[in-house]
């Protein structure tokens, strides 16, 4: 079980069954998003949850290539890249 936090909620539990359909979807995602296998499955769980705007707290640089999510990080490489693309939001 993966716990994610959509807008307005602390967290919601999401059941993710790793079956042929989930694996196929993760492999298809890998064609456009260069993330590792573990992240592929987490992204599938997020997609299936339909949780709206996704906010991820991580230092994993992989998530910087995923469209449609907001990443909170202290990873200096992710921050530098976001700044160079005018996508950095400082709070």
Protein backbone atom coordinates (compact mmCIF):
# COMPACT_ATOMS: atom_id res chain seq x y z
CA UNK A 1 0.00 0.00 0.00
CA UNK A 2 1.25 3.46 -0.95
CA UNK A 3 0.18 6.58 0.93
CA UNK A 4 -0.10 9.78 -1.10
CA UNK A 5 -1.25 13.24 -0.13
CA UNK A 6 -3.59 15.07 -2.53
CA UNK A 7 -4.71 18.67 -2.10
CA UNK A 8 -6.76 19.23 1.02
CA UNK A 9 -5.93 15.87 2.62
CA UNK A 10 -3.13 14.64 4.79
CA UNK A 11 -2.93 11.28 3.00
CA UNK A 12 -5.04 8.68 1.26
CA UNK A 13 -4.28 4.98 1.07
CA UNK A 14 -3.95 3.53 -2.40
CA UNK A 15 -3.94 -0.15 -3.21
CA UNK A 16 -1.67 -1.03 -6.12
CA UNK A 17 -1.75 -4.53 -7.51
CA UNK A 18 1.34 -5.29 -9.55
CA UNK A 19 -0.17 -7.34 -12.34
CA UNK A 20 0.28 -7.48 -16.12
CA UNK A 21 -1.75 -4.29 -16.67
CA UNK A 22 0.21 -2.32 -14.08
CA UNK A 23 3.54 -3.61 -15.39
CA UNK A 24 2.58 -2.79 -18.99
CA UNK A 25 1.52 0.74 -17.97
CA UNK A 26 4.81 1.24 -16.09
CA UNK A 27 6.83 0.05 -19.09
CA UNK A 28 4.90 2.43 -21.37
CA UNK A 29 5.63 5.27 -18.95
CA UNK A 30 9.33 4.37 -19.06
CA UNK A 31 9.35 5.26 -22.79
CA UNK A 32 8.74 8.93 -21.95
CA UNK A 33 9.97 9.31 -18.35
CA UNK A 34 13.48 8.23 -17.38
CA UNK A 35 12.78 6.96 -13.87
CA UNK A 36 13.74 3.70 -12.18
CA UNK A 37 11.42 0.72 -11.73
CA UNK A 38 10.39 1.57 -8.17
CA UNK A 39 9.44 5.10 -9.24
CA UNK A 40 7.53 3.75 -12.23
CA UNK A 41 5.29 1.76 -9.90
CA UNK A 42 4.82 4.72 -7.54
CA UNK A 43 3.85 6.90 -10.50
CA UNK A 44 1.36 4.25 -11.60
CA UNK A 45 -0.17 4.30 -8.11
CA UNK A 46 -0.42 8.09 -8.30
CA UNK A 47 -2.05 7.92 -11.74
CA UNK A 48 -4.59 5.31 -10.66
CA UNK A 49 -5.49 7.37 -7.59
CA UNK A 50 -6.63 10.29 -9.73
CA UNK A 51 -5.64 12.56 -6.87
CA UNK A 52 -5.48 15.76 -8.93
CA UNK A 53 -2.41 17.98 -8.52
CA UNK A 54 0.32 15.74 -7.16
CA UNK A 55 2.88 17.15 -4.75
CA UNK A 56 5.93 15.00 -4.03
CA UNK A 57 8.53 15.58 -1.31
CA UNK A 58 11.74 13.90 -2.44
CA UNK A 59 15.44 14.32 -3.11
CA UNK A 60 15.20 11.77 -5.94
CA UNK A 61 16.27 13.56 -9.12
CA UNK A 62 14.15 11.15 -11.20
CA UNK A 63 10.97 13.00 -10.31
CA UNK A 64 12.23 16.18 -11.99
CA UNK A 65 11.43 14.65 -15.41
CA UNK A 66 7.83 13.75 -14.56
CA UNK A 67 5.31 16.20 -16.05
CA UNK A 68 2.26 17.35 -14.13
CA UNK A 69 3.63 17.04 -10.60
CA UNK A 70 5.01 19.57 -8.14
CA UNK A 71 8.30 18.53 -6.50
CA UNK A 72 9.48 19.82 -3.13
CA UNK A 73 13.20 19.13 -2.75
CA UNK A 74 16.52 20.23 -1.33
CA UNK A 75 18.44 18.48 -4.15
CA UNK A 76 20.71 21.24 -5.47
CA UNK A 77 20.83 19.81 -9.00
CA UNK A 78 17.05 19.75 -9.29
CA UNK A 79 16.86 23.28 -7.90
CA UNK A 80 19.51 24.57 -10.34
CA UNK A 81 17.76 22.96 -13.31
CA UNK A 82 14.36 24.31 -12.26
CA UNK A 83 15.86 27.79 -11.89
CA UNK A 84 17.44 27.62 -15.35
CA UNK A 85 14.03 26.71 -16.83
CA UNK A 86 12.18 29.42 -14.85
CA UNK A 87 10.17 26.72 -13.05
CA UNK A 88 11.52 27.34 -9.56
CA UNK A 89 9.08 28.50 -6.89
CA UNK A 90 10.68 29.65 -3.64
CA UNK A 91 8.67 29.62 -0.44
